[in-house]
C-alpha atoms as a PDB file:
ATOM      1  CA  MET A   1       0.000   0.000   0.000  1.00  0.00           C
ATOM      2  CA  ARG A   2       1.222   3.509  -0.743  1.00  0.00           C
ATOM      3  CA  LEU A   3       0.130   7.127  -0.658  1.00  0.00           C
ATOM      4  CA  LEU A   4       0.505   9.959  -3.126  1.00  0.00           C
ATOM      5  CA  CYS A   5       0.275  13.617  -2.116  1.00  0.00           C
ATOM      6  CA  THR A   6      -1.157  16.440  -4.180  1.00  0.00           C
ATOM      7  CA  ASP A   7       2.390  17.456  -5.162  1.00  0.00           C
ATOM      8  CA  ASP A   8       2.424  14.283  -7.279  1.00  0.00           C
ATOM      9  CA  ARG A   9      -0.638  15.167  -9.338  1.00  0.00           C
ATOM     10  CA  ASP A  10       0.670  13.625 -12.564  1.00  0.00           C
ATOM     11  CA  LYS A  11       1.251  10.278 -10.835  1.00  0.00           C
ATOM     12  CA  TRP A  12      -2.131  10.624  -9.083  1.00  0.00           C
ATOM     13  CA  ARG A  13      -3.914  11.032 -12.417  1.00  0.00           C
ATOM     14  CA  ALA A  14      -1.928   8.150 -13.926  1.00  0.00           C
ATOM     15  CA  GLU A  15      -3.113   5.821 -11.156  1.00  0.00           C
ATOM     16  CA  LEU A  16      -6.741   6.840 -11.703  1.00  0.00           C
ATOM     17  CA  ALA A  17      -6.396   6.412 -15.466  1.00  0.00           C
ATOM     18  CA  GLN A  18      -6.122   2.633 -15.121  1.00  0.00           C
ATOM     19  CA  MET A  19      -9.490   2.404 -13.356  1.00  0.00           C
ATOM     20  CA  PRO A  20     -12.557   1.319 -15.349  1.00  0.00           C
ATOM     21  CA  VAL A  21     -14.616   4.313 -14.180  1.00  0.00           C
ATOM     22  CA  HIS A  22     -13.632   7.941 -13.738  1.00  0.00           C
ATOM     23  CA  ASP A  23     -15.079  10.884 -11.861  1.00  0.00           C
ATOM     24  CA  VAL A  24     -14.213  14.532 -11.331  1.00  0.00           C
ATOM     25  CA  HIS A  25     -14.451  14.176  -7.525  1.00  0.00           C
ATOM     26  CA  CYS A  26     -11.378  11.905  -7.524  1.00  0.00           C
ATOM     27  CA  MET A  27      -9.095  14.446  -9.182  1.00  0.00           C
ATOM     28  CA  PRO A  28      -6.214  15.716  -7.010  1.00  0.00           C
ATOM     29  CA  GLU A  29      -7.381  19.289  -7.632  1.00  0.00           C
ATOM     30  CA  MET A  30     -10.441  18.568  -5.440  1.00  0.00           C
ATOM     31  CA  MET A  31      -8.056  18.464  -2.475  1.00  0.00           C
ATOM     32  CA  LEU A  32      -6.424  21.836  -3.046  1.00  0.00           C
ATOM     33  CA  PRO A  33      -9.181  24.072  -1.599  1.00  0.00           C
ATOM     34  CA  TYR A  34      -8.975  22.147   1.686  1.00  0.00           C
ATOM     35  CA  GLU A  35      -5.207  22.449   1.796  1.00  0.00           C
ATOM     36  CA  ALA A  36      -5.284  26.160   0.900  1.00  0.00           C
ATOM     37  CA  THR A  37      -7.679  26.862   3.785  1.00  0.00           C
ATOM     38  CA  ARG A  38      -5.848  24.513   6.177  1.00  0.00           C
ATOM     39  CA  ARG A  39      -8.753  22.119   6.620  1.00  0.00           C
ATOM     40  CA  GLY A  40      -6.798  18.957   5.881  1.00  0.00           C
ATOM     41  CA  ARG A  41      -4.212  17.176   3.776  1.00  0.00           C
ATOM     42  CA  GLY A  42      -5.176  15.402   0.547  1.00  0.00           C
ATOM     43  CA  MET A  43      -3.762  12.018  -0.434  1.00  0.00           C
ATOM     44  CA  LEU A  44      -4.444   9.168  -2.836  1.00  0.00           C
ATOM     45  CA  LEU A  45      -4.316   5.761  -1.192  1.00  0.00           C
ATOM     46  CA  ILE A  46      -3.322   2.959  -3.580  1.00  0.00           C
ATOM     47  CA  ASP A  47      -3.637  -0.703  -2.704  1.00  0.00           C
ATOM     48  CA  GLU A  48      -2.496  -3.621  -4.853  1.00  0.00           C
ATOM     49  CA  ASN A  49      -3.036  -7.302  -4.209  1.00  0.00           C
ATOM     50  CA  GLU A  50      -3.219 -10.495  -6.244  1.00  0.00           C
ATOM     51  CA  HIS A  51      -6.721  -9.554  -7.414  1.00  0.00           C
ATOM     52  CA  GLY A  52      -6.051  -6.073  -8.761  1.00  0.00           C
ATOM     53  CA  VAL A  53      -5.609  -2.417  -7.844  1.00  0.00           C
ATOM     54  CA  ALA A  54      -7.758   0.074  -5.921  1.00  0.00           C
ATOM     55  CA  ALA A  55      -7.284   3.800  -5.475  1.00  0.00           C
ATOM     56  CA  MET A  56      -9.135   6.094  -3.107  1.00  0.00           C
ATOM     57  CA  PRO A  57      -8.718   9.836  -2.536  1.00  0.00           C
ATOM     58  CA  ILE A  58      -8.694  10.617   1.188  1.00  0.00           C
ATOM     59  CA  LEU A  59      -8.595  13.841   3.139  1.00  0.00           C
ATOM     60  CA  ARG A  60      -6.901  13.577   6.508  1.00  0.00           C
ATOM     61  CA  MET A  61      -8.442  16.187   8.775  1.00  0.00           C
ATOM     62  CA  ASP A  62      -6.632  17.883  11.638  1.00  0.00           C
ATOM     63  CA  ASN A  63      -8.827  16.019  14.152  1.00  0.00           C
ATOM     64  CA  GLY A  64      -7.750  12.629  12.781  1.00  0.00           C
ATOM     65  CA  GLU A  65     -10.862  11.912  10.747  1.00  0.00           C
ATOM     66  CA  ILE A  66     -10.436  10.528   7.243  1.00  0.00           C
ATOM     67  CA  ARG A  67     -12.928  11.779   4.681  1.00  0.00           C
ATOM     68  CA  HIS A  68     -13.344  12.231   0.987  1.00  0.00           C
ATOM     69  CA  PRO A  69     -12.925  15.895   0.047  1.00  0.00           C
ATOM     70  CA  PHE A  70     -16.486  16.238  -1.217  1.00  0.00           C
ATOM     71  CA  ASN A  71     -19.279  14.058  -2.516  1.00  0.00           C
ATOM     72  CA  PHE A  72     -18.699  11.553  -3.898  1.00  0.00           C
ATOM     73  CA  GLY A  73     -15.920   9.375  -2.521  1.00  0.00           C
ATOM     74  CA  GLY A  74     -15.078   5.757  -1.991  1.00  0.00           C
ATOM     75  CA  PRO A  75     -12.583   3.572  -3.843  1.00  0.00           C
ATOM     76  CA  MET A  76     -12.201   3.064  -7.562  1.00  0.00           C
ATOM     77  CA  SER A  77     -10.846  -0.354  -8.468  1.00  0.00           C
ATOM     78  CA  THR A  78     -10.108  -2.795 -11.246  1.00  0.00           C
ATOM     79  CA  PRO A  79     -12.938  -5.335 -11.692  1.00  0.00           C
ATOM     80  CA  ASP A  80     -11.530  -8.275  -9.723  1.00  0.00           C
ATOM     81  CA  TYR A  81     -10.152  -6.318  -6.778  1.00  0.00           C
ATOM     82  CA  LYS A  82     -11.399  -7.348  -3.294  1.00  0.00           C
ATOM     83  CA  GLY A  83     -10.633  -6.426   0.267  1.00  0.00           C
ATOM     84  CA  PHE A  84     -10.041  -2.703   0.537  1.00  0.00           C
ATOM     85  CA  PRO A  85      -7.658  -2.114   3.491  1.00  0.00           C
ATOM     86  CA  LYS A  86      -8.941  -0.943   6.825  1.00  0.00           C
ATOM     87  CA  LEU A  87      -7.872   2.534   7.844  1.00  0.00           C
ATOM     88  CA  ARG A  88      -7.350   3.893  11.323  1.00  0.00           C
ATOM     89  CA  GLY A  89     -10.398   6.034  11.388  1.00  0.00           C
ATOM     90  CA  PRO A  90     -13.102   6.564  11.411  1.00  0.00           C
ATOM     91  CA  LEU A  91     -13.391   6.801   7.644  1.00  0.00           C
ATOM     92  CA  TYR A  92     -16.421   8.693   6.284  1.00  0.00           C
ATOM     93  CA  CYS A  93     -17.450   8.792   2.669  1.00  0.00           C
ATOM     94  CA  THR A  94     -20.515   8.915   0.453  1.00  0.00           C
ATOM     95  CA  LEU A  95     -20.320   6.508  -2.448  1.00  0.00           C
ATOM     96  CA  ASN A  96     -20.869   7.907  -5.915  1.00  0.00           C
ATOM     97  CA  PRO A  97     -24.419   6.889  -6.931  1.00  0.00           C
ATOM     98  CA  PHE A  98     -23.313   6.193 -10.511  1.00  0.00           C
ATOM     99  CA  TYR A  99     -20.570   3.795  -9.400  1.00  0.00           C
ATOM    100  CA  SER A 100     -21.678   2.614  -5.958  1.00  0.00           C
ATOM    101  CA  GLU A 101     -22.273  -1.000  -6.980  1.00  0.00           C
ATOM    102  CA  GLN A 102     -18.679  -1.330  -8.158  1.00  0.00           C
ATOM    103  CA  GLN A 103     -17.400   0.546  -5.101  1.00  0.00           C
ATOM    104  CA  MET A 104     -19.282  -1.671  -2.638  1.00  0.00           C
ATOM    105  CA  ALA A 105     -17.778  -4.731  -4.281  1.00  0.00           C
ATOM    106  CA  ALA A 106     -14.321  -3.332  -3.494  1.00  0.00           C
ATOM    107  CA  LEU A 107     -15.187  -2.197   0.032  1.00  0.00           C
ATOM    108  CA  GLY A 108     -16.947  -5.316   1.182  1.00  0.00           C
ATOM    109  CA  GLU A 109     -19.172  -4.773   4.213  1.00  0.00           C
ATOM    110  CA  GLY A 110     -19.863  -1.387   5.714  1.00  0.00           C
ATOM    111  CA  ALA A 111     -21.940   0.575   3.205  1.00  0.00           C
ATOM    112  CA  THR A 112     -25.483   1.459   4.248  1.00  0.00           C
ATOM    113  CA  TYR A 113     -28.327   3.067   2.298  1.00  0.00           C
ATOM    114  CA  ALA A 114     -28.830   6.743   3.128  1.00  0.00           C
ATOM    115  CA  LYS A 115     -31.324   8.271   0.672  1.00  0.00           C
ATOM    116  CA  ASP A 116     -32.303   8.642  -2.958  1.00  0.00           C
ATOM    117  CA  THR A 117     -30.957  11.328  -5.252  1.00  0.00           C
ATOM    118  CA  VAL A 118     -32.240  12.851  -8.501  1.00  0.00           C
ATOM    119  CA  TRP A 119     -30.441  12.785 -11.827  1.00  0.00           C
ATOM    120  CA  VAL A 120     -31.300  13.914 -15.342  1.00  0.00           C
ATOM    121  CA  ASP A 121     -30.661  11.952 -18.522  1.00  0.00           C
ATOM    122  CA  LEU A 122     -29.478  14.692 -20.869  1.00  0.00           C
ATOM    123  CA  THR A 123     -29.764  12.417 -23.899  1.00  0.00           C
ATOM    124  CA  GLN A 124     -33.553  12.415 -23.573  1.00  0.00           C
ATOM    125  CA  PRO A 125     -36.130  15.228 -23.995  1.00  0.00           C
ATOM    126  CA  THR A 126     -36.605  17.241 -20.804  1.00  0.00           C
ATOM    127  CA  LYS A 127     -39.796  16.484 -18.898  1.00  0.00           C
ATOM    128  CA  LEU A 128     -40.571  19.183 -16.332  1.00  0.00           C
ATOM    129  CA  ARG A 129     -43.322  19.200 -13.756  1.00  0.00           C
ATOM    130  CA  ALA A 130     -46.003  21.774 -14.680  1.00  0.00           C
ATOM    131  CA  THR A 131     -45.256  23.977 -11.662  1.00  0.00           C
ATOM    132  CA  THR A 132     -41.536  23.855 -12.470  1.00  0.00           C
ATOM    133  CA  ARG A 133     -42.184  24.875 -16.076  1.00  0.00           C
ATOM    134  CA  HIS A 134     -44.377  27.759 -14.890  1.00  0.00           C
ATOM    135  CA  CYS A 135     -41.608  29.082 -12.611  1.00  0.00           C
ATOM    136  CA  VAL A 136     -39.037  28.954 -15.413  1.00  0.00           C
ATOM    137  CA  GLU A 137     -41.356  30.815 -17.781  1.00  0.00           C
ATOM    138  CA  LYS A 138     -42.034  33.467 -15.158  1.00  0.00           C
ATOM    139  CA  ALA A 139     -38.331  34.078 -14.554  1.00  0.00           C
ATOM    140  CA  ALA A 140     -37.747  34.382 -18.290  1.00  0.00           C
ATOM    141  CA  ARG A 141     -40.525  36.976 -18.591  1.00  0.00           C
ATOM    142  CA  GLU A 142     -38.805  38.983 -15.867  1.00  0.00           C
ATOM    143  CA  GLN A 143     -35.631  38.971 -17.991  1.00  0.00           C
ATOM    144  CA  VAL A 144     -33.632  37.045 -15.421  1.00  0.00           C
ATOM    145  CA  GLU A 145     -30.147  36.189 -16.670  1.00  0.00           C
ATOM    146  CA  PHE A 146     -27.974  33.115 -16.166  1.00  0.00           C
ATOM    147  CA  ILE A 147     -24.344  34.116 -16.634  1.00  0.00           C
ATOM    148  CA  GLU A 148     -20.942  32.515 -16.285  1.00  0.00           C
ATOM    149  CA  ALA A 149     -19.128  34.498 -13.595  1.00  0.00           C
ATOM    150  CA  GLU A 150     -15.398  35.066 -13.413  1.00  0.00           C
ATOM    151  CA  GLY A 151     -13.077  37.129 -11.259  1.00  0.00           C
ATOM    152  CA  PRO A 152     -13.247  38.419  -7.687  1.00  0.00           C
ATOM    153  CA  PHE A 153     -16.711  40.007  -8.032  1.00  0.00           C
ATOM    154  CA  GLY A 154     -18.397  36.761  -9.002  1.00  0.00           C
ATOM    155  CA  ILE A 155     -16.630  34.709  -6.338  1.00  0.00           C
ATOM    156  CA  ARG A 156     -17.367  37.243  -3.606  1.00  0.00           C
ATOM    157  CA  ALA A 157     -21.028  37.518  -4.635  1.00  0.00           C
ATOM    158  CA  PHE A 158     -21.385  33.751  -4.668  1.00  0.00           C
ATOM    159  CA  SER A 159     -19.595  33.328  -1.346  1.00  0.00           C
ATOM    160  CA  ASP A 160     -21.912  35.876   0.288  1.00  0.00           C
ATOM    161  CA  MET A 161     -25.078  34.186  -0.974  1.00  0.00           C
ATOM    162  CA  TYR A 162     -23.703  30.750  -0.091  1.00  0.00           C
ATOM    163  CA  HIS A 163     -23.096  31.771   3.514  1.00  0.00           C
ATOM    164  CA  ALA A 164     -26.523  33.407   3.681  1.00  0.00           C
ATOM    165  CA  THR A 165     -28.061  30.121   2.483  1.00  0.00           C
ATOM    166  CA  MET A 166     -26.089  28.038   4.973  1.00  0.00           C
ATOM    167  CA  ARG A 167     -27.145  30.301   7.839  1.00  0.00           C
ATOM    168  CA  ARG A 168     -30.818  30.083   6.821  1.00  0.00           C
ATOM    169  CA  ASN A 169     -30.573  26.303   6.850  1.00  0.00           C
ATOM    170  CA  ASN A 170     -28.514  26.003  10.064  1.00  0.00           C
ATOM    171  CA  ALA A 171     -25.824  24.079   8.189  1.00  0.00           C
ATOM    172  CA  ALA A 172     -23.099  22.216  10.045  1.00  0.00           C
ATOM    173  CA  PRO A 173     -19.805  24.120  10.469  1.00  0.00           C
ATOM    174  CA  HIS A 174     -17.912  21.908   8.006  1.00  0.00           C
ATOM    175  CA  TRP A 175     -20.116  23.266   5.187  1.00  0.00           C
ATOM    176  CA  MET A 176     -19.100  26.884   5.871  1.00  0.00           C
ATOM    177  CA  PHE A 177     -16.438  27.200   3.189  1.00  0.00           C
ATOM    178  CA  GLN A 178     -14.394  30.399   3.001  1.00  0.00           C
ATOM    179  CA  THR A 179     -14.238  32.640  -0.056  1.00  0.00           C
ATOM    180  CA  GLU A 180     -10.668  31.392  -0.552  1.00  0.00           C
ATOM    181  CA  TRP A 181     -12.001  27.821  -0.647  1.00  0.00           C
ATOM    182  CA  PHE A 182     -14.265  28.653  -3.608  1.00  0.00           C
ATOM    183  CA  SER A 183     -11.634  30.680  -5.449  1.00  0.00           C
ATOM    184  CA  THR A 184      -9.111  27.841  -5.092  1.00  0.00           C
ATOM    185  CA  LEU A 185     -11.657  25.260  -6.277  1.00  0.00           C
ATOM    186  CA  LEU A 186     -12.496  27.245  -9.408  1.00  0.00           C
ATOM    187  CA  ARG A 187      -8.879  28.081 -10.181  1.00  0.00           C
ATOM    188  CA  SER A 188      -7.560  24.561  -9.561  1.00  0.00           C
ATOM    189  CA  LEU A 189     -10.253  22.658 -11.435  1.00  0.00           C
ATOM    190  CA  SER A 190     -10.265  25.194 -14.263  1.00  0.00           C
ATOM    191  CA  GLN A 191     -12.252  23.638 -17.147  1.00  0.00           C
ATOM    192  CA  ASN A 192     -13.908  21.119 -14.807  1.00  0.00           C
ATOM    193  CA  ALA A 193     -15.596  23.728 -12.579  1.00  0.00           C
ATOM    194  CA  THR A 194     -17.717  26.695 -13.630  1.00  0.00           C
ATOM    195  CA  LEU A 195     -19.433  29.320 -11.503  1.00  0.00           C
ATOM    196  CA  PHE A 196     -22.789  30.702 -12.628  1.00  0.00           C
ATOM    197  CA  LEU A 197     -24.822  33.580 -11.235  1.00  0.00           C
ATOM    198  CA  VAL A 198     -28.497  34.328 -11.723  1.00  0.00           C
ATOM    199  CA  MET A 199     -28.875  38.080 -12.199  1.00  0.00           C
ATOM    200  CA  TYR A 200     -32.073  40.035 -11.575  1.00  0.00           C
ATOM    201  CA  LYS A 201     -32.228  43.763 -12.264  1.00  0.00           C
ATOM    202  CA  GLY A 202     -28.473  43.746 -12.724  1.00  0.00           C
ATOM    203  CA  GLU A 203     -27.705  42.268  -9.298  1.00  0.00           C
ATOM    204  CA  PRO A 204     -26.668  38.718  -8.334  1.00  0.00           C
ATOM    205  CA  GLU A 205     -29.475  36.862  -6.587  1.00  0.00           C
ATOM    206  CA  ALA A 206     -28.612  33.150  -6.933  1.00  0.00           C
ATOM    207  CA  GLY A 207     -25.728  30.993  -8.062  1.00  0.00           C
ATOM    208  CA  CYS A 208     -24.283  27.515  -8.409  1.00  0.00           C
ATOM    209  CA  ILE A 209     -21.058  25.716  -9.264  1.00  0.00           C
ATOM    210  CA  LEU A 210     -21.150  22.994 -11.900  1.00  0.00           C
ATOM    211  CA  LEU A 211     -18.476  20.312 -11.819  1.00  0.00           C
ATOM    212  CA  ARG A 212     -18.097  18.190 -14.932  1.00  0.00           C
ATOM    213  CA  GLY A 213     -15.926  15.459 -16.345  1.00  0.00           C
ATOM    214  CA  TRP A 214     -16.207  12.184 -18.257  1.00  0.00           C
ATOM    215  CA  GLY A 215     -19.741  12.957 -19.431  1.00  0.00           C
ATOM    216  CA  THR A 216     -21.205  13.705 -15.997  1.00  0.00           C
ATOM    217  CA  CYS A 217     -22.122  17.136 -14.647  1.00  0.00           C
ATOM    218  CA  TYR A 218     -22.808  17.764 -10.946  1.00  0.00           C
ATOM    219  CA  TYR A 219     -24.998  20.583  -9.654  1.00  0.00           C
ATOM    220  CA  HIS A 220     -23.212  21.765  -6.506  1.00  0.00           C
ATOM    221  CA  PHE A 221     -23.353  24.570  -3.929  1.00  0.00           C
ATOM    222  CA  ALA A 222     -26.643  26.084  -5.129  1.00  0.00           C
ATOM    223  CA  ALA A 223     -27.301  29.272  -3.132  1.00  0.00           C
ATOM    224  CA  SER A 224     -29.390  32.431  -3.166  1.00  0.00           C
ATOM    225  CA  PHE A 225     -30.156  35.552  -1.173  1.00  0.00           C
ATOM    226  CA  ASN A 226     -33.831  34.509  -1.301  1.00  0.00           C
ATOM    227  CA  GLN A 227     -35.048  38.066  -1.857  1.00  0.00           C
ATOM    228  CA  TYR A 228     -37.466  37.151  -4.671  1.00  0.00           C
ATOM    229  CA  PRO A 229     -38.933  33.710  -3.883  1.00  0.00           C
ATOM    230  CA  GLN A 230     -41.973  34.461  -6.046  1.00  0.00           C
ATOM    231  CA  LEU A 231     -39.886  34.558  -9.235  1.00  0.00           C
ATOM    232  CA  GLY A 232     -38.833  30.906  -9.310  1.00  0.00           C
ATOM    233  CA  LEU A 233     -35.168  31.768  -9.750  1.00  0.00           C
ATOM    234  CA  ASN A 234     -33.924  28.428  -8.432  1.00  0.00           C
ATOM    235  CA  HIS A 235     -36.094  26.554 -10.938  1.00  0.00           C
ATOM    236  CA  PHE A 236     -34.731  28.795 -13.677  1.00  0.00           C
ATOM    237  CA  MET A 237     -31.152  28.135 -12.541  1.00  0.00           C
ATOM    238  CA  VAL A 238     -31.524  24.343 -12.667  1.00  0.00           C
ATOM    239  CA  VAL A 239     -33.032  24.378 -16.159  1.00  0.00           C
ATOM    240  CA  LYS A 240     -30.265  26.643 -17.435  1.00  0.00           C
ATOM    241  CA  ALA A 241     -27.692  24.333 -15.819  1.00  0.00           C
ATOM    242  CA  MET A 242     -29.262  21.406 -17.663  1.00  0.00           C
ATOM    243  CA  GLU A 243     -29.067  23.277 -20.971  1.00  0.00           C
ATOM    244  CA  TRP A 244     -25.443  24.293 -20.393  1.00  0.00           C
ATOM    245  CA  ALA A 245     -24.343  20.776 -19.413  1.00  0.00           C
ATOM    246  CA  LYS A 246     -25.971  19.332 -22.517  1.00  0.00           C
ATOM    247  CA  GLU A 247     -24.246  21.934 -24.716  1.00  0.00           C
ATOM    248  CA  LYS A 248     -20.918  20.887 -23.185  1.00  0.00           C
ATOM    249  CA  GLY A 249     -21.489  17.286 -24.222  1.00  0.00           C
ATOM    250  CA  CYS A 250     -22.491  15.854 -20.844  1.00  0.00           C
ATOM    251  CA  THR A 251     -24.929  12.950 -20.975  1.00  0.00           C
ATOM    252  CA  ARG A 252     -26.195  13.224 -17.403  1.00  0.00           C
ATOM    253  CA  LEU A 253     -26.639  15.820 -14.694  1.00  0.00           C
ATOM    254  CA  HIS A 254     -26.674  14.864 -11.028  1.00  0.00           C
ATOM    255  CA  LEU A 255     -28.892  17.153  -8.947  1.00  0.00           C
ATOM    256  CA  GLY A 256     -28.436  15.321  -5.653  1.00  0.00           C
ATOM    257  CA  GLY A 257     -30.995  14.851  -2.929  1.00  0.00           C
ATOM    258  CA  GLY A 258     -32.194  16.619   0.158  1.00  0.00           C
ATOM    259  CA  VAL A 259     -30.660  16.961   3.581  1.00  0.00           C
ATOM    260  CA  GLU A 260     -33.073  14.262   4.719  1.00  0.00           C
ATOM    261  CA  PRO A 261     -34.954  11.689   2.612  1.00  0.00           C
ATOM    262  CA  ASN A 262     -37.976  13.175   0.832  1.00  0.00           C
ATOM    263  CA  ASP A 263     -37.604  16.631   2.372  1.00  0.00           C
ATOM    264  CA  GLY A 264     -38.502  19.901   0.645  1.00  0.00           C
ATOM    265  CA  LEU A 265     -35.169  20.139  -1.173  1.00  0.00           C
ATOM    266  CA  PHE A 266     -35.563  16.626  -2.554  1.00  0.00           C
ATOM    267  CA  ARG A 267     -39.111  17.364  -3.733  1.00  0.00           C
ATOM    268  CA  PHE A 268     -37.857  20.519  -5.462  1.00  0.00           C
ATOM    269  CA  LYS A 269     -35.239  18.541  -7.377  1.00  0.00           C
ATOM    270  CA  ALA A 270     -37.754  15.804  -8.192  1.00  0.00           C
ATOM    271  CA  GLY A 271     -39.618  18.355 -10.312  1.00  0.00           C
ATOM    272  CA  PHE A 272     -36.897  18.111 -12.964  1.00  0.00           C
ATOM    273  CA  SER A 273     -36.670  14.353 -13.438  1.00  0.00           C
ATOM    274  CA  ASP A 274     -38.247  11.092 -12.314  1.00  0.00           C
ATOM    275  CA  LEU A 275     -34.885   9.288 -12.363  1.00  0.00           C
ATOM    276  CA  ARG A 276     -33.485   8.207  -8.984  1.00  0.00           C
ATOM    277  CA  LEU A 277     -30.267   6.712  -7.696  1.00  0.00           C
ATOM    278  CA  PRO A 278     -29.533   5.512  -4.155  1.00  0.00           C
ATOM    279  CA  VAL A 279     -26.732   7.009  -2.089  1.00  0.00           C
ATOM    280  CA  TYR A 280     -24.780   4.822   0.318  1.00  0.00           C
ATOM    281  CA  LYS A 281     -22.714   6.000   3.264  1.00  0.00           C
ATOM    282  CA  PHE A 282     -19.578   4.205   4.327  1.00  0.00           C
ATOM    283  CA  THR A 283     -18.268   4.570   7.861  1.00  0.00           C
ATOM    284  CA  GLN A 284     -15.492   2.359   9.148  1.00  0.00           C
ATOM    285  CA  MET A 285     -13.597   2.155  12.397  1.00  0.00           C
ATOM    286  CA  SER A 286     -10.293   0.784  11.352  1.00  0.00           C
ATOM    287  CA  GLU A 287      -6.794  -0.385  12.062  1.00  0.00           C
ATOM    288  CA  TRP A 288      -4.399   0.900   9.411  1.00  0.00           C
ATOM    289  CA  SER A 289      -2.596   4.182   9.942  1.00  0.00           C
ATOM    290  CA  GLY A 290      -0.487   6.043   7.448  1.00  0.00           C
ATOM    291  CA  SER A 291       0.452   9.675   7.090  1.00  0.00           C
ATOM    292  CA  LYS A 292       3.463   9.942   4.790  1.00  0.00           C
ATOM    293  CA  CYS A 293       3.235  10.110   1.039  1.00  0.00           C
ATOM    294  CA  HIS A 294       5.533   7.950  -1.039  1.00  0.00           C
ATOM    295  CA  ALA A 295       6.268   8.075  -4.730  1.00  0.00           C
ATOM    296  CA  ALA A 296       4.432   5.417  -6.732  1.00  0.00           C
END
């Protein structure tokens, strides 16, 4: 078993390249916002045995916890690999709903069902709920704009609305990312991460970050100041995200789920698609301990 650090990003990407599935969340650049804001240290754990190879990005937090940097984590492995090593933990991760079956085969026991999530098949005609379609049409009549935002103004505006959203929802402290966290994410992931703002009367009112790679787009960090709830700006933002992802060649868009199963956020997202995927959580108290990175 060995570890790679984010300084070895070329080797990190080479290890992931041999896996049968690929995802933007496993890129070493996902670790850099956490390192820049001193939240943890990113590493890629690689395990080889007689059955194959597995690789798993891990974020070692200052309190000793081992996590994936952001949804969705878990190991990627060659088809015949079994017996992912135990880590001195606990280890927390959310398995990627598109690859969870393959990931659970590598992990063995320990994954438990958490909730359903919503995804959109971008290769098929869009089917919107009537109320969702009405909200989008209303926002368009009000000349709401969906723009790609760059530079300090866009990042600051998004950071402000994100923190306002987190405070409204009493989010846990680990979701309170700094402005520097967002700027590092966008800069590091470059073509794989794009910030959008929804503008009303020339002012930013809502926003989201879209992560994309290998045909999949993820709708992340949606936020708003919530000053115009009657305009349906969040509905408008999701539809525009769907259109943008399709234009970029993505075949699917993952909207995610709610905080809790079937809560208001989940029902909102369900208005855009009737496709569902289960999310599994993996938590493991473990035995292995490693902290130093070694060249592969």
